[in-house]
Amino acid sequence: MNKSELIDAVAKKTNMTKKQAEAAINATLDAIGDALAAKKPEKVVLVGFGTFETKKRAARKGRNPSTKEVISIPASKAPVFKAGKGLKDKVNKK
């Protein structure tokens, strides 16, 4: 499912127009992104669905696959998602 298909599904389930559903989805995604990108990142917990958070990645050495040259990869933050019990159960049809 891509974003436009998600917008269609939300519009049908909520009796919203597609424009309203798109605005709601965009606002939700922006709010999650803003929380994770803040100076002091926040966890975004959606009970029954899952948790979005950031994890720190340490600086490390890597290798350019085409030249085999050793390169330095700087430290960074990566967004991660951990599925909640409700989502896992739904996927596994329990």
PDB file of N, CA and C in Angstrom:
ATOM      1  N   MET A   1       0.855  -1.173   0.000  1.00  0.00           N
ATOM      2  CA  MET A   1       0.000   0.000   0.000  1.00  0.00           C
ATOM      3  C   MET A   1       0.901   1.236   0.000  1.00  0.00           C
ATOM      4  N   ASN A   2       0.616   2.144  -0.904  1.00  0.00           N
ATOM      5  CA  ASN A   2       1.356   3.402  -0.922  1.00  0.00           C
ATOM      6  C   ASN A   2       0.516   4.497  -0.258  1.00  0.00           C
ATOM      7  N   LYS A   3       1.043   5.706  -0.220  1.00  0.00           N
ATOM      8  CA  LYS A   3       0.375   6.786   0.504  1.00  0.00           C
ATOM      9  C   LYS A   3      -1.003   7.110  -0.074  1.00  0.00           C
ATOM     10  N   SER A   4      -1.139   7.146  -1.383  1.00  0.00           N
ATOM     11  CA  SER A   4      -2.443   7.479  -1.966  1.00  0.00           C
ATOM     12  C   SER A   4      -3.470   6.384  -1.681  1.00  0.00           C
ATOM     13  N   GLU A   5      -3.042   5.129  -1.647  1.00  0.00           N
ATOM     14  CA  GLU A   5      -3.952   4.043  -1.300  1.00  0.00           C
ATOM     15  C   GLU A   5      -4.355   4.131   0.176  1.00  0.00           C
ATOM     16  N   LEU A   6      -3.418   4.539   1.034  1.00  0.00           N
ATOM     17  CA  LEU A   6      -3.719   4.743   2.444  1.00  0.00           C
ATOM     18  C   LEU A   6      -4.740   5.869   2.616  1.00  0.00           C
ATOM     19  N   ILE A   7      -4.563   6.948   1.876  1.00  0.00           N
ATOM     20  CA  ILE A   7      -5.508   8.071   1.924  1.00  0.00           C
ATOM     21  C   ILE A   7      -6.906   7.595   1.521  1.00  0.00           C
ATOM     22  N   ASP A   8      -6.993   6.814   0.461  1.00  0.00           N
ATOM     23  CA  ASP A   8      -8.285   6.277   0.017  1.00  0.00           C
ATOM     24  C   ASP A   8      -8.927   5.413   1.099  1.00  0.00           C
ATOM     25  N   ALA A   9      -8.122   4.543   1.728  1.00  0.00           N
ATOM     26  CA  ALA A   9      -8.650   3.643   2.765  1.00  0.00           C
ATOM     27  C   ALA A   9      -9.140   4.432   3.980  1.00  0.00           C
ATOM     28  N   VAL A  10      -8.380   5.437   4.398  1.00  0.00           N
ATOM     29  CA  VAL A  10      -8.785   6.252   5.544  1.00  0.00           C
ATOM     30  C   VAL A  10     -10.050   7.034   5.211  1.00  0.00           C
ATOM     31  N   ALA A  11     -10.120   7.584   4.012  1.00  0.00           N
ATOM     32  CA  ALA A  11     -11.304   8.341   3.597  1.00  0.00           C
ATOM     33  C   ALA A  11     -12.556   7.458   3.638  1.00  0.00           C
ATOM     34  N   LYS A  12     -12.440   6.209   3.166  1.00  0.00           N
ATOM     35  CA  LYS A  12     -13.589   5.301   3.162  1.00  0.00           C
ATOM     36  C   LYS A  12     -14.004   4.920   4.583  1.00  0.00           C
ATOM     37  N   LYS A  13     -13.016   4.615   5.439  1.00  0.00           N
ATOM     38  CA  LYS A  13     -13.338   4.157   6.807  1.00  0.00           C
ATOM     39  C   LYS A  13     -13.880   5.267   7.695  1.00  0.00           C
ATOM     40  N   THR A  14     -13.532   6.513   7.406  1.00  0.00           N
ATOM     41  CA  THR A  14     -13.934   7.620   8.283  1.00  0.00           C
ATOM     42  C   THR A  14     -14.997   8.516   7.663  1.00  0.00           C
ATOM     43  N   ASN A  15     -15.426   8.224   6.465  1.00  0.00           N
ATOM     44  CA  ASN A  15     -16.383   9.065   5.735  1.00  0.00           C
ATOM     45  C   ASN A  15     -15.859  10.491   5.560  1.00  0.00           C
ATOM     46  N   MET A  16     -14.558  10.634   5.442  1.00  0.00           N
ATOM     47  CA  MET A  16     -13.929  11.931   5.138  1.00  0.00           C
ATOM     48  C   MET A  16     -13.778  12.040   3.629  1.00  0.00           C
ATOM     49  N   THR A  17     -13.547  13.273   3.183  1.00  0.00           N
ATOM     50  CA  THR A  17     -13.167  13.439   1.789  1.00  0.00           C
ATOM     51  C   THR A  17     -11.705  13.032   1.680  1.00  0.00           C
ATOM     52  N   LYS A  18     -11.262  12.804   0.457  1.00  0.00           N
ATOM     53  CA  LYS A  18      -9.856  12.438   0.265  1.00  0.00           C
ATOM     54  C   LYS A  18      -8.937  13.570   0.712  1.00  0.00           C
ATOM     55  N   LYS A  19      -9.338  14.810   0.493  1.00  0.00           N
ATOM     56  CA  LYS A  19      -8.523  15.946   0.927  1.00  0.00           C
ATOM     57  C   LYS A  19      -8.409  15.992   2.445  1.00  0.00           C
ATOM     58  N   GLN A  20      -9.513  15.735   3.142  1.00  0.00           N
ATOM     59  CA  GLN A  20      -9.482  15.735   4.605  1.00  0.00           C
ATOM     60  C   GLN A  20      -8.613  14.589   5.123  1.00  0.00           C
ATOM     61  N   ALA A  21      -8.743  13.413   4.514  1.00  0.00           N
ATOM     62  CA  ALA A  21      -7.953  12.261   4.925  1.00  0.00           C
ATOM     63  C   ALA A  21      -6.468  12.512   4.673  1.00  0.00           C
ATOM     64  N   GLU A  22      -6.150  13.126   3.526  1.00  0.00           N
ATOM     65  CA  GLU A  22      -4.754  13.440   3.213  1.00  0.00           C
ATOM     66  C   GLU A  22      -4.192  14.432   4.228  1.00  0.00           C
ATOM     67  N   ALA A  23      -4.974  15.436   4.580  1.00  0.00           N
ATOM     68  CA  ALA A  23      -4.524  16.421   5.565  1.00  0.00           C
ATOM     69  C   ALA A  23      -4.293  15.760   6.922  1.00  0.00           C
ATOM     70  N   ALA A  24      -5.167  14.850   7.323  1.00  0.00           N
ATOM     71  CA  ALA A  24      -5.023  14.157   8.603  1.00  0.00           C
ATOM     72  C   ALA A  24      -3.778  13.275   8.617  1.00  0.00           C
ATOM     73  N   ILE A  25      -3.558  12.543   7.546  1.00  0.00           N
ATOM     74  CA  ILE A  25      -2.381  11.667   7.460  1.00  0.00           C
ATOM     75  C   ILE A  25      -1.104  12.497   7.436  1.00  0.00           C
ATOM     76  N   ASN A  26      -1.085  13.565   6.647  1.00  0.00           N
ATOM     77  CA  ASN A  26       0.101  14.427   6.582  1.00  0.00           C
ATOM     78  C   ASN A  26       0.400  15.053   7.944  1.00  0.00           C
ATOM     79  N   ALA A  27      -0.633  15.487   8.653  1.00  0.00           N
ATOM     80  CA  ALA A  27      -0.440  16.081   9.975  1.00  0.00           C
ATOM     81  C   ALA A  27       0.117  15.052  10.950  1.00  0.00           C
ATOM     82  N   THR A  28      -0.389  13.829  10.884  1.00  0.00           N
ATOM     83  CA  THR A  28       0.098  12.762  11.757  1.00  0.00           C
ATOM     84  C   THR A  28       1.561  12.453  11.483  1.00  0.00           C
ATOM     85  N   LEU A  29       1.904  12.302  10.219  1.00  0.00           N
ATOM     86  CA  LEU A  29       3.294  11.998   9.861  1.00  0.00           C
ATOM     87  C   LEU A  29       4.230  13.152  10.219  1.00  0.00           C
ATOM     88  N   ASP A  30       3.783  14.382  10.030  1.00  0.00           N
ATOM     89  CA  ASP A  30       4.591  15.549  10.413  1.00  0.00           C
ATOM     90  C   ASP A  30       4.823  15.591  11.915  1.00  0.00           C
ATOM     91  N   ALA A  31       3.785  15.305  12.696  1.00  0.00           N
ATOM     92  CA  ALA A  31       3.905  15.317  14.150  1.00  0.00           C
ATOM     93  C   ALA A  31       4.878  14.246  14.629  1.00  0.00           C
ATOM     94  N   ILE A  32       4.817  13.063  14.035  1.00  0.00           N
ATOM     95  CA  ILE A  32       5.749  11.990  14.398  1.00  0.00           C
ATOM     96  C   ILE A  32       7.169  12.391  14.019  1.00  0.00           C
ATOM     97  N   GLY A  33       7.345  12.909  12.814  1.00  0.00           N
ATOM     98  CA  GLY A  33       8.671  13.342  12.360  1.00  0.00           C
ATOM     99  C   GLY A  33       9.237  14.453  13.222  1.00  0.00           C
ATOM    100  N   ASP A  34       8.392  15.421  13.582  1.00  0.00           N
ATOM    101  CA  ASP A  34       8.844  16.535  14.433  1.00  0.00           C
ATOM    102  C   ASP A  34       9.273  16.039  15.806  1.00  0.00           C
ATOM    103  N   ALA A  35       8.534  15.096  16.375  1.00  0.00           N
ATOM    104  CA  ALA A  35       8.883  14.557  17.689  1.00  0.00           C
ATOM    105  C   ALA A  35      10.223  13.822  17.648  1.00  0.00           C
ATOM    106  N   LEU A  36      10.473  13.086  16.573  1.00  0.00           N
ATOM    107  CA  LEU A  36      11.726  12.341  16.458  1.00  0.00           C
ATOM    108  C   LEU A  36      12.905  13.240  16.101  1.00  0.00           C
ATOM    109  N   ALA A  37      12.640  14.359  15.411  1.00  0.00           N
ATOM    110  CA  ALA A  37      13.712  15.249  14.975  1.00  0.00           C
ATOM    111  C   ALA A  37      14.036  16.343  15.982  1.00  0.00           C
ATOM    112  N   ALA A  38      13.286  16.425  17.066  1.00  0.00           N
ATOM    113  CA  ALA A  38      13.502  17.474  18.062  1.00  0.00           C
ATOM    114  C   ALA A  38      14.898  17.354  18.676  1.00  0.00           C
ATOM    115  N   LYS A  39      15.391  18.472  19.260  1.00  0.00           N
ATOM    116  CA  LYS A  39      16.707  18.440  19.902  1.00  0.00           C
ATOM    117  C   LYS A  39      16.774  17.340  20.950  1.00  0.00           C
ATOM    118  N   LYS A  40      15.691  17.209  21.711  1.00  0.00           N
ATOM    119  CA  LYS A  40      15.582  16.103  22.666  1.00  0.00           C
ATOM    120  C   LYS A  40      14.475  15.198  22.141  1.00  0.00           C
ATOM    121  N   PRO A  41      14.838  14.201  21.297  1.00  0.00           N
ATOM    122  CA  PRO A  41      13.817  13.375  20.650  1.00  0.00           C
ATOM    123  C   PRO A  41      12.887  12.690  21.646  1.00  0.00           C
ATOM    124  N   GLU A  42      11.619  12.630  21.260  1.00  0.00           N
ATOM    125  CA  GLU A  42      10.607  11.972  22.072  1.00  0.00           C
ATOM    126  C   GLU A  42      10.230  10.642  21.431  1.00  0.00           C
ATOM    127  N   LYS A  43       9.850   9.676  22.255  1.00  0.00           N
ATOM    128  CA  LYS A  43       9.243   8.451  21.747  1.00  0.00           C
ATOM    129  C   LYS A  43       7.807   8.791  21.366  1.00  0.00           C
ATOM    130  N   VAL A  44       7.323   8.194  20.308  1.00  0.00           N
ATOM    131  CA  VAL A  44       5.919   8.332  19.934  1.00  0.00           C
ATOM    132  C   VAL A  44       5.300   6.950  20.112  1.00  0.00           C
ATOM    133  N   VAL A  45       4.461   6.805  21.129  1.00  0.00           N
ATOM    134  CA  VAL A  45       3.871   5.511  21.469  1.00  0.00           C
ATOM    135  C   VAL A  45       2.408   5.517  21.055  1.00  0.00           C
ATOM    136  N   LEU A  46       2.054   4.625  20.155  1.00  0.00           N
ATOM    137  CA  LEU A  46       0.670   4.436  19.727  1.00  0.00           C
ATOM    138  C   LEU A  46       0.251   3.065  20.263  1.00  0.00           C
ATOM    139  N   VAL A  47      -0.419   3.060  21.423  1.00  0.00           N
ATOM    140  CA  VAL A  47      -0.762   1.823  22.110  1.00  0.00           C
ATOM    141  C   VAL A  47      -1.523   0.887  21.172  1.00  0.00           C
ATOM    142  N   GLY A  48      -1.075  -0.343  21.093  1.00  0.00           N
ATOM    143  CA  GLY A  48      -1.701  -1.340  20.231  1.00  0.00           C
ATOM    144  C   GLY A  48      -1.141  -1.348  18.827  1.00  0.00           C
ATOM    145  N   PHE A  49      -0.396  -0.313  18.456  1.00  0.00           N
ATOM    146  CA  PHE A  49       0.185  -0.250  17.115  1.00  0.00           C
ATOM    147  C   PHE A  49       1.691  -0.387  17.178  1.00  0.00           C
ATOM    148  N   GLY A  50       2.355   0.506  17.928  1.00  0.00           N
ATOM    149  CA  GLY A  50       3.797   0.415  18.039  1.00  0.00           C
ATOM    150  C   GLY A  50       4.423   1.702  18.528  1.00  0.00           C
ATOM    151  N   THR A  51       5.753   1.700  18.568  1.00  0.00           N
ATOM    152  CA  THR A  51       6.517   2.829  19.084  1.00  0.00           C
ATOM    153  C   THR A  51       7.541   3.291  18.057  1.00  0.00           C
ATOM    154  N   PHE A  52       7.562   4.590  17.820  1.00  0.00           N
ATOM    155  CA  PHE A  52       8.581   5.211  16.986  1.00  0.00           C
ATOM    156  C   PHE A  52       9.575   5.876  17.922  1.00  0.00           C
ATOM    157  N   GLU A  53      10.873   5.696  17.689  1.00  0.00           N
ATOM    158  CA  GLU A  53      11.887   6.368  18.477  1.00  0.00           C
ATOM    159  C   GLU A  53      13.166   6.474  17.664  1.00  0.00           C
ATOM    160  N   THR A  54      14.161   7.164  18.212  1.00  0.00           N
ATOM    161  CA  THR A  54      15.448   7.273  17.543  1.00  0.00           C
ATOM    162  C   THR A  54      16.483   6.488  18.337  1.00  0.00           C
ATOM    163  N   LYS A  55      17.432   5.919  17.629  1.00  0.00           N
ATOM    164  CA  LYS A  55      18.552   5.209  18.236  1.00  0.00           C
ATOM    165  C   LYS A  55      19.837   5.868  17.741  1.00  0.00           C
ATOM    166  N   LYS A  56      20.809   5.965  18.648  1.00  0.00           N
ATOM    167  CA  LYS A  56      22.097   6.520  18.264  1.00  0.00           C
ATOM    168  C   LYS A  56      22.937   5.440  17.607  1.00  0.00           C
ATOM    169  N   ARG A  57      23.586   5.809  16.521  1.00  0.00           N
ATOM    170  CA  ARG A  57      24.531   4.922  15.856  1.00  0.00           C
ATOM    171  C   ARG A  57      25.922   5.495  16.079  1.00  0.00           C
ATOM    172  N   ALA A  58      26.824   4.677  16.560  1.00  0.00           N
ATOM    173  CA  ALA A  58      28.191   5.124  16.825  1.00  0.00           C
ATOM    174  C   ALA A  58      28.953   5.300  15.514  1.00  0.00           C
ATOM    175  N   ALA A  59      29.986   6.129  15.557  1.00  0.00           N
ATOM    176  CA  ALA A  59      30.862   6.273  14.396  1.00  0.00           C
ATOM    177  C   ALA A  59      31.570   4.937  14.181  1.00  0.00           C
ATOM    178  N   ARG A  60      31.823   4.618  12.931  1.00  0.00           N
ATOM    179  CA  ARG A  60      32.464   3.338  12.632  1.00  0.00           C
ATOM    180  C   ARG A  60      33.213   3.396  11.321  1.00  0.00           C
ATOM    181  N   LYS A  61      33.992   2.382  11.073  1.00  0.00           N
ATOM    182  CA  LYS A  61      34.713   2.259   9.809  1.00  0.00           C
ATOM    183  C   LYS A  61      33.881   1.413   8.858  1.00  0.00           C
ATOM    184  N   GLY A  62      33.874   1.792   7.607  1.00  0.00           N
ATOM    185  CA  GLY A  62      33.159   1.045   6.589  1.00  0.00           C
ATOM    186  C   GLY A  62      34.067   0.839   5.391  1.00  0.00           C
ATOM    187  N   ARG A  63      33.547   0.213   4.378  1.00  0.00           N
ATOM    188  CA  ARG A  63      34.344  -0.055   3.189  1.00  0.00           C
ATOM    189  C   ARG A  63      33.511   0.274   1.964  1.00  0.00           C
ATOM    190  N   ASN A  64      34.092   1.058   1.058  1.00  0.00           N
ATOM    191  CA  ASN A  64      33.441   1.362  -0.207  1.00  0.00           C
ATOM    192  C   ASN A  64      33.463   0.078  -1.037  1.00  0.00           C
ATOM    193  N   PRO A  65      32.294  -0.481  -1.379  1.00  0.00           N
ATOM    194  CA  PRO A  65      32.278  -1.770  -2.073  1.00  0.00           C
ATOM    195  C   PRO A  65      32.914  -1.748  -3.464  1.00  0.00           C
ATOM    196  N   SER A  66      32.894  -0.608  -4.122  1.00  0.00           N
ATOM    197  CA  SER A  66      33.447  -0.588  -5.480  1.00  0.00           C
ATOM    198  C   SER A  66      34.964  -0.400  -5.490  1.00  0.00           C
ATOM    199  N   THR A  67      35.500   0.376  -4.527  1.00  0.00           N
ATOM    200  CA  THR A  67      36.952   0.637  -4.522  1.00  0.00           C
ATOM    201  C   THR A  67      37.676  -0.119  -3.413  1.00  0.00           C
ATOM    202  N   LYS A  68      36.937  -0.726  -2.491  1.00  0.00           N
ATOM    203  CA  LYS A  68      37.482  -1.443  -1.329  1.00  0.00           C
ATOM    204  C   LYS A  68      38.227  -0.521  -0.370  1.00  0.00           C
ATOM    205  N   GLU A  69      38.080   0.787  -0.565  1.00  0.00           N
ATOM    206  CA  GLU A  69      38.741   1.765   0.288  1.00  0.00           C
ATOM    207  C   GLU A  69      38.015   1.851   1.635  1.00  0.00           C
ATOM    208  N   VAL A  70      38.796   1.918   2.733  1.00  0.00           N
ATOM    209  CA  VAL A  70      38.213   2.049   4.067  1.00  0.00           C
ATOM    210  C   VAL A  70      37.778   3.505   4.244  1.00  0.00           C
ATOM    211  N   ILE A  71      36.534   3.684   4.710  1.00  0.00           N
ATOM    212  CA  ILE A  71      36.008   5.029   4.918  1.00  0.00           C
ATOM    213  C   ILE A  71      35.509   5.154   6.354  1.00  0.00           C
ATOM    214  N   SER A  72      35.419   6.379   6.826  1.00  0.00           N
ATOM    215  CA  SER A  72      34.923   6.646   8.162  1.00  0.00           C
ATOM    216  C   SER A  72      33.456   7.054   8.061  1.00  0.00           C
ATOM    217  N   ILE A  73      32.590   6.370   8.794  1.00  0.00           N
ATOM    218  CA  ILE A  73      31.165   6.680   8.807  1.00  0.00           C
ATOM    219  C   ILE A  73      30.873   7.410  10.115  1.00  0.00           C
ATOM    220  N   PRO A  74      30.400   8.656  10.044  1.00  0.00           N
ATOM    221  CA  PRO A  74      30.179   9.439  11.265  1.00  0.00           C
ATOM    222  C   PRO A  74      29.006   8.916  12.100  1.00  0.00           C
ATOM    223  N   ALA A  75      28.977   9.282  13.361  1.00  0.00           N
ATOM    224  CA  ALA A  75      27.866   8.929  14.243  1.00  0.00           C
ATOM    225  C   ALA A  75      26.594   9.588  13.717  1.00  0.00           C
ATOM    226  N   SER A  76      25.461   8.946  13.971  1.00  0.00           N
ATOM    227  CA  SER A  76      24.188   9.496  13.497  1.00  0.00           C
ATOM    228  C   SER A  76      23.051   8.967  14.367  1.00  0.00           C
ATOM    229  N   LYS A  77      21.869   9.506  14.122  1.00  0.00           N
ATOM    230  CA  LYS A  77      20.657   9.012  14.758  1.00  0.00           C
ATOM    231  C   LYS A  77      19.812   8.359  13.669  1.00  0.00           C
ATOM    232  N   ALA A  78      19.160   7.250  14.009  1.00  0.00           N
ATOM    233  CA  ALA A  78      18.317   6.556  13.049  1.00  0.00           C
ATOM    234  C   ALA A  78      16.926   6.361  13.639  1.00  0.00           C
ATOM    235  N   PRO A  79      15.877   6.637  12.855  1.00  0.00           N
ATOM    236  CA  PRO A  79      14.529   6.367  13.350  1.00  0.00           C
ATOM    237  C   PRO A  79      14.269   4.864  13.318  1.00  0.00           C
ATOM    238  N   VAL A  80      13.608   4.362  14.363  1.00  0.00           N
ATOM    239  CA  VAL A  80      13.271   2.941  14.418  1.00  0.00           C
ATOM    240  C   VAL A  80      11.810   2.797  14.827  1.00  0.00           C
ATOM    241  N   PHE A  81      11.223   1.687  14.454  1.00  0.00           N
ATOM    242  CA  PHE A  81       9.834   1.385  14.804  1.00  0.00           C
ATOM    243  C   PHE A  81       9.794  -0.002  15.414  1.00  0.00           C
ATOM    244  N   LYS A  82       9.119  -0.128  16.533  1.00  0.00           N
ATOM    245  CA  LYS A  82       8.913  -1.425  17.166  1.00  0.00           C
ATOM    246  C   LYS A  82       7.413  -1.675  17.214  1.00  0.00           C
ATOM    247  N   ALA A  83       6.982  -2.748  16.569  1.00  0.00           N
ATOM    248  CA  ALA A  83       5.560  -3.073  16.505  1.00  0.00           C
ATOM    249  C   ALA A  83       5.028  -3.452  17.879  1.00  0.00           C
ATOM    250  N   GLY A  84       3.817  -3.011  18.163  1.00  0.00           N
ATOM    251  CA  GLY A  84       3.150  -3.337  19.415  1.00  0.00           C
ATOM    252  C   GLY A  84       2.424  -4.665  19.337  1.00  0.00           C
ATOM    253  N   LYS A  85       1.957  -5.147  20.483  1.00  0.00           N
ATOM    254  CA  LYS A  85       1.293  -6.443  20.563  1.00  0.00           C
ATOM    255  C   LYS A  85       0.054  -6.502  19.669  1.00  0.00           C
ATOM    256  N   GLY A  86      -0.752  -5.444  19.669  1.00  0.00           N
ATOM    257  CA  GLY A  86      -1.964  -5.443  18.848  1.00  0.00           C
ATOM    258  C   GLY A  86      -1.664  -5.607  17.369  1.00  0.00           C
ATOM    259  N   LEU A  87      -0.642  -4.921  16.882  1.00  0.00           N
ATOM    260  CA  LEU A  87      -0.261  -5.028  15.470  1.00  0.00           C
ATOM    261  C   LEU A  87       0.299  -6.411  15.170  1.00  0.00           C
ATOM    262  N   LYS A  88       1.138  -6.919  16.058  1.00  0.00           N
ATOM    263  CA  LYS A  88       1.701  -8.263  15.854  1.00  0.00           C
ATOM    264  C   LYS A  88       0.589  -9.303  15.810  1.00  0.00           C
ATOM    265  N   ASP A  89      -0.365  -9.185  16.730  1.00  0.00           N
ATOM    266  CA  ASP A  89      -1.477 -10.134  16.755  1.00  0.00           C
ATOM    267  C   ASP A  89      -2.319 -10.049  15.483  1.00  0.00           C
ATOM    268  N   LYS A  90      -2.545  -8.834  15.008  1.00  0.00           N
ATOM    269  CA  LYS A  90      -3.343  -8.651  13.786  1.00  0.00           C
ATOM    270  C   LYS A  90      -2.628  -9.270  12.572  1.00  0.00           C
ATOM    271  N   VAL A  91      -1.321  -9.061  12.488  1.00  0.00           N
ATOM    272  CA  VAL A  91      -0.545  -9.604  11.385  1.00  0.00           C
ATOM    273  C   VAL A  91      -0.538 -11.135  11.438  1.00  0.00           C
ATOM    274  N   ASN A  92      -0.454 -11.671  12.659  1.00  0.00           N
ATOM    275  CA  ASN A  92      -0.437 -13.125  12.829  1.00  0.00           C
ATOM    276  C   ASN A  92      -1.827 -13.716  13.005  1.00  0.00           C
ATOM    277  N   LYS A  93      -2.873 -12.878  12.881  1.00  0.00           N
ATOM    278  CA  LYS A  93      -4.281 -13.267  12.939  1.00  0.00           C
ATOM    279  C   LYS A  93      -4.632 -14.057  14.203  1.00  0.00           C
ATOM    280  N   LYS A  94      -4.224 -13.507  15.357  1.00  0.00           N
ATOM    281  CA  LYS A  94      -4.556 -14.152  16.640  1.00  0.00           C
ATOM    282  C   LYS A  94      -5.805 -13.546  17.216  1.00  0.00           C
TER     283      LYS A  94
END
